[in-house]
Amino acid sequence: MKVIPGCLLAAFLILTLTTAHALSPGVPFQPGQWQISSTVTPSTGKTVKRQQLVCAKNAGQTWQTHTANQQCGSPTITPSTHGYNIQLSCTGNAGPIHWKSASIIHEVLSNKGSAFQATGSTDTTVSYPGRPPLKASASIHATGQRVGACK
């Protein structure tokens, strides 16, 4: 009878180690100062290109930009084979206008974790007083390069 619990324990350890290995990314994220170039293409409207420097301790922080009148929650970061999947939710207001957005980004790391290419999407709902909510979506493409230690 002691053989069965021992086999169950061994099977549990093998499953745990296999799952942990499957969830760990092949390339670790390198914390530091990152230069990020992004292109956001709304389903309707004009494409917006942006370059910025971000001090990031983890992959999710490369996506937490500080925008006036907007608050973002902590990103949910899930390791993938070559990088991370990141989910981020934000809310904001500017006078009578209120919005909520949810973004999903897949970031593929390269150069020993000091560069990435990312694709994703964001869905936003904007509320104006006296009008039905307006929904919009956009695709996101970005590249990032670690440029040194945080300043």
Foldseek 3Di string as FASTA:
>chain_A
DVVVVVVVVVVVVVVVVVVVVQFAEPFAADFAKKWKWKWKFKPDDDIDIDIDIFGDPHPQRVPDDDDPFKDKDRWDWTGHHFGIWIKIKMWGDDVQKIKIKIKIKDWGADPRNFKIWMKIKMKMWMDHPPDPIDIIMIIMIMMMGHDGHYD
